[in-house]
Amino acid sequence: MWAYVAAYEMPYDNPAALATRVRVRYPIVADRLIGLGVVPSARLQRAFSHEGQINRFERVLVWCHWMWFLVPHGSAAYVLWRRPERFPGAAARTYAVFDLGAIFYWAIPTAPPWWAAAHGHLGELEPSPPVRRMMIEYGEMFWGDRWGDLYDVLGGNPLAAMPSLHFATSLMAANLLSETGPVAGTVGWLYAGTLGLALVYLGEHYAVDLLAGAALAQTVRRNAGWASPLVRRVASVLHALQVAAAKA
């Protein structure tokens, strides 16, 4: 996970350089097809939100988004507790989703809806952008002076929307929890569904980002079997290098 976090944040070490490479248009085109002419984030906010306010439902969605930081790792820990024999495979699938997703963040840095709206790519900026970033609005309201420090730690790279690893890892967590029992599985799927709605409603991801995240999670899940021997060989080589370095 430390390697993933470094790979995720590193492109944003130079925001100006990353901005010259960021893709903005293609997810907008895709989402307008999905939303029948209107990006779903803008359609949802236009229908249910009120400028300058964060209602109770939106606060629930924001908290659902914040809770994500615990879900993939907490799900893996739950598998370790309930079905320890399944833990190595569960952990490998969880973190394969993270690591493969980071490759896309380097190759095709993509702006989320709130960024596109703030820079005028979704319509006029006045009287307000068509997509608000409600997480920031509520974060400043709820956390007050502490919000700046919290966001510096958790913010990472804002130009890393495709695919949505929030959604991909939550789907993987739901699959893993389902393997431990129906109750845990139900909780996992309810959370993943609510998070998917939150990500689009709050302007953090396009709907097409979620579809790509779902495809990534499903690809990892379906191909875990044949990839396992290769992963074990790579792990053994890395372990040998670690031992050799320790002796040097």
Protein backbone atom coordinates (compact mmCIF):
# COMPACT_ATOMS: atom_id res chain seq x y z
CA MET A 1 0.00 0.00 0.00
CA TRP A 2 2.87 2.40 0.60
CA ALA A 3 4.05 1.72 -2.96
CA TYR A 4 0.52 2.33 -4.25
CA VAL A 5 0.15 5.59 -2.31
CA ALA A 6 3.49 6.82 -3.69
CA ALA A 7 2.51 5.87 -7.25
CA TYR A 8 -0.89 7.53 -6.80
CA GLU A 9 0.42 10.82 -5.43
CA MET A 10 3.67 11.15 -7.39
CA PRO A 11 2.22 12.53 -10.65
CA TYR A 12 0.79 15.46 -8.67
CA ASP A 13 4.22 16.43 -7.35
CA ASN A 14 4.23 18.82 -10.31
CA PRO A 15 0.60 19.98 -10.70
CA ALA A 16 1.35 22.28 -13.64
CA ALA A 17 3.01 19.51 -15.63
CA LEU A 18 0.19 17.09 -14.83
CA ALA A 19 -2.41 19.66 -15.92
CA THR A 20 -0.86 19.70 -19.41
CA ARG A 21 -1.48 15.94 -19.71
CA VAL A 22 -4.86 15.65 -18.01
CA ARG A 23 -7.76 14.21 -20.02
CA VAL A 24 -11.00 16.12 -19.57
CA ARG A 25 -13.27 15.62 -22.57
CA TYR A 26 -13.64 11.85 -23.04
CA PRO A 27 -15.39 11.09 -19.71
CA ILE A 28 -17.73 14.05 -20.30
CA VAL A 29 -18.70 12.68 -23.70
CA ALA A 30 -19.25 9.20 -22.23
CA ASP A 31 -21.27 10.49 -19.28
CA ARG A 32 -23.48 12.66 -21.47
CA LEU A 33 -24.37 9.50 -23.37
CA ILE A 34 -25.11 7.71 -20.10
CA GLY A 35 -27.07 10.69 -18.75
CA LEU A 36 -29.03 11.29 -21.96
CA GLY A 37 -27.36 14.60 -22.68
CA VAL A 38 -26.46 15.70 -19.16
CA VAL A 39 -23.58 14.47 -17.00
CA PRO A 40 -25.23 12.42 -14.19
CA SER A 41 -23.44 14.40 -11.46
CA ALA A 42 -24.91 17.64 -12.77
CA ARG A 43 -28.34 16.08 -13.25
CA LEU A 44 -28.45 14.74 -9.67
CA GLN A 45 -27.22 17.94 -8.07
CA ARG A 46 -29.62 20.03 -10.16
CA ALA A 47 -32.54 17.86 -9.08
CA PHE A 48 -31.83 17.37 -5.37
CA SER A 49 -29.33 19.89 -4.03
CA HIS A 50 -29.60 23.55 -3.11
CA GLU A 51 -26.68 25.91 -3.58
CA GLY A 52 -24.96 26.86 -0.34
CA GLN A 53 -26.56 24.00 1.60
CA ILE A 54 -25.63 20.42 2.40
CA ASN A 55 -28.75 18.47 3.32
CA ARG A 56 -28.88 15.39 5.55
CA PHE A 57 -28.87 12.93 2.68
CA GLU A 58 -25.80 14.61 1.17
CA ARG A 59 -24.05 14.47 4.54
CA VAL A 60 -24.69 10.73 4.67
CA LEU A 61 -23.15 10.42 1.20
CA VAL A 62 -20.10 12.44 2.26
CA TRP A 63 -19.57 10.22 5.30
CA CYS A 64 -19.97 7.15 3.10
CA HIS A 65 -17.19 8.55 0.95
CA TRP A 66 -14.93 9.24 3.93
CA MET A 67 -15.53 5.76 5.35
CA TRP A 68 -14.02 4.25 2.22
CA PHE A 69 -10.54 4.68 3.68
CA LEU A 70 -11.40 1.89 6.13
CA VAL A 71 -13.40 -0.44 3.89
CA PRO A 72 -10.89 -2.28 1.66
CA HIS A 73 -8.43 -2.90 4.50
CA GLY A 74 -11.17 -3.57 7.03
CA SER A 75 -12.71 -6.15 4.70
CA ALA A 76 -9.38 -7.90 4.27
CA ALA A 77 -8.95 -7.90 8.07
CA TYR A 78 -12.45 -9.37 8.46
CA VAL A 79 -11.54 -12.19 6.08
CA LEU A 80 -8.39 -12.82 8.13
CA TRP A 81 -10.53 -13.07 11.27
CA ARG A 82 -13.38 -15.16 9.90
CA ARG A 83 -11.73 -17.21 7.14
CA PRO A 84 -7.97 -17.04 7.64
CA GLU A 85 -7.34 -19.72 5.01
CA ARG A 86 -8.79 -17.32 2.42
CA PHE A 87 -6.79 -14.30 3.54
CA PRO A 88 -3.74 -14.57 1.21
CA GLY A 89 -5.94 -14.69 -1.88
CA ALA A 90 -8.25 -11.98 -0.56
CA ALA A 91 -5.36 -9.65 0.19
CA ALA A 92 -3.75 -10.32 -3.20
CA ARG A 93 -6.97 -9.51 -5.06
CA THR A 94 -7.61 -6.37 -3.01
CA TYR A 95 -4.19 -4.87 -3.55
CA ALA A 96 -3.96 -6.00 -7.17
CA VAL A 97 -6.92 -3.69 -7.83
CA PHE A 98 -5.07 -0.80 -6.16
CA ASP A 99 -1.81 -1.40 -8.00
CA LEU A 100 -3.29 -1.96 -11.46
CA GLY A 101 -5.42 1.14 -11.04
CA ALA A 102 -2.33 3.23 -10.33
CA ILE A 103 -0.98 2.36 -13.79
CA PHE A 104 -3.96 4.11 -15.38
CA TYR A 105 -3.39 7.19 -13.23
CA TRP A 106 0.06 7.56 -14.78
CA ALA A 107 -0.98 6.62 -18.32
CA ILE A 108 -4.26 8.54 -18.64
CA PRO A 109 -4.56 11.18 -15.88
CA THR A 110 -8.25 12.10 -15.93
CA ALA A 111 -10.09 14.98 -14.29
CA PRO A 112 -13.19 14.33 -12.14
CA PRO A 113 -16.50 16.17 -12.66
CA TRP A 114 -15.89 18.79 -9.96
CA TRP A 115 -12.53 19.75 -11.53
CA ALA A 116 -13.99 19.91 -15.03
CA ALA A 117 -16.86 22.06 -13.75
CA ALA A 118 -14.53 24.42 -11.85
CA HIS A 119 -12.51 24.97 -15.04
CA GLY A 120 -15.52 25.62 -17.26
CA HIS A 121 -15.61 22.32 -19.15
CA LEU A 122 -19.17 21.48 -18.11
CA GLY A 123 -20.73 24.87 -18.84
CA GLU A 124 -20.66 28.41 -17.52
CA LEU A 125 -19.08 29.20 -14.17
CA GLU A 126 -21.67 31.84 -13.31
CA PRO A 127 -23.73 31.99 -11.22
CA SER A 128 -22.07 28.75 -10.07
CA PRO A 129 -20.35 25.68 -11.53
CA PRO A 130 -22.83 22.99 -12.67
CA VAL A 131 -21.16 20.46 -10.34
CA ARG A 132 -20.22 21.41 -6.78
CA ARG A 133 -17.64 19.53 -4.75
CA MET A 134 -19.81 18.92 -1.73
CA MET A 135 -17.19 16.93 0.16
CA ILE A 136 -15.06 20.06 0.45
CA GLU A 137 -18.02 22.23 1.39
CA TYR A 138 -19.13 19.87 4.15
CA GLY A 139 -15.57 19.10 5.25
CA GLU A 140 -14.91 22.78 5.91
CA MET A 141 -18.25 23.05 7.72
CA PHE A 142 -17.83 19.93 9.88
CA TRP A 143 -14.10 19.90 10.64
CA GLY A 144 -13.48 23.64 10.77
CA ASP A 145 -9.82 24.61 11.14
CA ARG A 146 -8.76 20.94 11.12
CA TRP A 147 -10.04 20.37 7.59
CA GLY A 148 -6.99 21.81 5.83
CA ASP A 149 -4.60 19.40 7.52
CA LEU A 150 -6.94 16.45 6.99
CA TYR A 151 -7.31 17.20 3.30
CA ASP A 152 -3.56 17.59 2.86
CA VAL A 153 -3.14 14.04 4.17
CA LEU A 154 -6.03 12.44 2.30
CA GLY A 155 -6.31 14.59 -0.82
CA GLY A 156 -3.52 12.97 -2.80
CA ASN A 157 -3.94 13.43 -6.53
CA PRO A 158 -7.15 15.12 -7.74
CA LEU A 159 -6.44 14.23 -11.39
CA ALA A 160 -6.77 10.47 -10.93
CA ALA A 161 -10.41 9.70 -11.65
CA MET A 162 -10.22 6.87 -14.20
CA PRO A 163 -10.89 4.17 -13.15
CA SER A 164 -12.62 4.79 -9.82
CA LEU A 165 -10.60 2.80 -7.30
CA HIS A 166 -13.05 3.87 -4.61
CA PHE A 167 -15.70 1.86 -6.43
CA ALA A 168 -13.42 -0.93 -7.68
CA THR A 169 -11.99 -1.76 -4.26
CA SER A 170 -15.44 -1.55 -2.65
CA LEU A 171 -16.80 -4.05 -5.17
CA MET A 172 -13.85 -6.32 -4.48
CA ALA A 173 -14.48 -5.95 -0.75
CA ALA A 174 -18.15 -6.89 -1.28
CA ASN A 175 -17.11 -10.00 -3.18
CA LEU A 176 -14.64 -11.01 -0.48
CA LEU A 177 -17.17 -10.43 2.30
CA SER A 178 -19.72 -12.51 0.40
CA GLU A 179 -17.29 -15.42 0.53
CA THR A 180 -17.31 -15.27 4.33
CA GLY A 181 -21.09 -15.32 4.74
CA PRO A 182 -24.39 -13.80 3.54
CA VAL A 183 -24.69 -11.15 6.26
CA ALA A 184 -21.21 -9.71 5.67
CA GLY A 185 -21.80 -9.94 1.94
CA THR A 186 -25.05 -8.00 2.17
CA VAL A 187 -23.33 -5.26 4.17
CA GLY A 188 -20.54 -5.12 1.59
CA TRP A 189 -22.88 -4.83 -1.38
CA LEU A 190 -25.08 -2.22 0.31
CA TYR A 191 -22.01 -0.14 1.05
CA ALA A 192 -20.65 -0.48 -2.50
CA GLY A 193 -23.98 0.58 -3.99
CA THR A 194 -24.30 3.58 -1.68
CA LEU A 195 -20.73 4.61 -2.36
CA GLY A 196 -21.32 4.41 -6.10
CA LEU A 197 -24.23 6.83 -5.75
CA ALA A 198 -22.17 9.08 -3.47
CA LEU A 199 -19.23 9.30 -5.86
CA VAL A 200 -21.43 10.43 -8.75
CA TYR A 201 -23.78 12.65 -6.75
CA LEU A 202 -20.93 14.45 -4.96
CA GLY A 203 -19.08 15.09 -8.22
CA GLU A 204 -16.06 12.98 -7.28
CA HIS A 205 -16.37 10.59 -10.24
CA TYR A 206 -18.15 10.23 -13.53
CA ALA A 207 -20.47 7.27 -14.01
CA VAL A 208 -18.05 5.96 -16.65
CA ASP A 209 -15.29 5.97 -14.01
CA LEU A 210 -17.43 3.60 -11.94
CA LEU A 211 -18.02 1.32 -14.93
CA ALA A 212 -14.27 1.17 -15.52
CA GLY A 213 -13.69 0.46 -11.82
CA ALA A 214 -16.24 -2.36 -11.92
CA ALA A 215 -14.52 -3.82 -14.99
CA LEU A 216 -11.14 -3.67 -13.22
CA ALA A 217 -12.48 -5.41 -10.11
CA GLN A 218 -14.18 -8.10 -12.17
CA THR A 219 -11.06 -8.66 -14.28
CA VAL A 220 -8.91 -9.16 -11.19
CA ARG A 221 -11.48 -11.47 -9.60
CA ARG A 222 -11.92 -13.65 -12.68
CA ASN A 223 -8.21 -13.94 -13.47
CA ALA A 224 -6.85 -14.42 -9.96
CA GLY A 225 -6.56 -18.19 -10.43
CA TRP A 226 -4.21 -18.27 -13.40
CA ALA A 227 -2.23 -15.26 -12.17
CA SER A 228 -1.47 -16.79 -8.74
CA PRO A 229 1.56 -18.92 -9.83
CA LEU A 230 3.14 -15.92 -11.57
CA VAL A 231 2.59 -13.73 -8.51
CA ARG A 232 4.17 -16.38 -6.27
CA ARG A 233 7.25 -16.54 -8.51
CA VAL A 234 7.61 -12.76 -8.50
CA ALA A 235 7.19 -12.73 -4.71
CA SER A 236 9.87 -15.38 -4.27
CA VAL A 237 12.30 -13.39 -6.42
CA LEU A 238 11.60 -10.22 -4.41
CA HIS A 239 12.06 -12.15 -1.17
CA ALA A 240 15.40 -13.49 -2.39
CA LEU A 241 16.53 -9.98 -3.28
CA GLN A 242 15.46 -8.78 0.15
CA VAL A 243 17.45 -11.51 1.86
CA ALA A 244 20.49 -10.78 -0.31
CA ALA A 245 20.25 -7.06 0.47
CA ALA A 246 20.01 -7.77 4.19
CA LYS A 247 23.20 -9.87 4.03
CA ALA A 248 25.14 -7.31 2.00
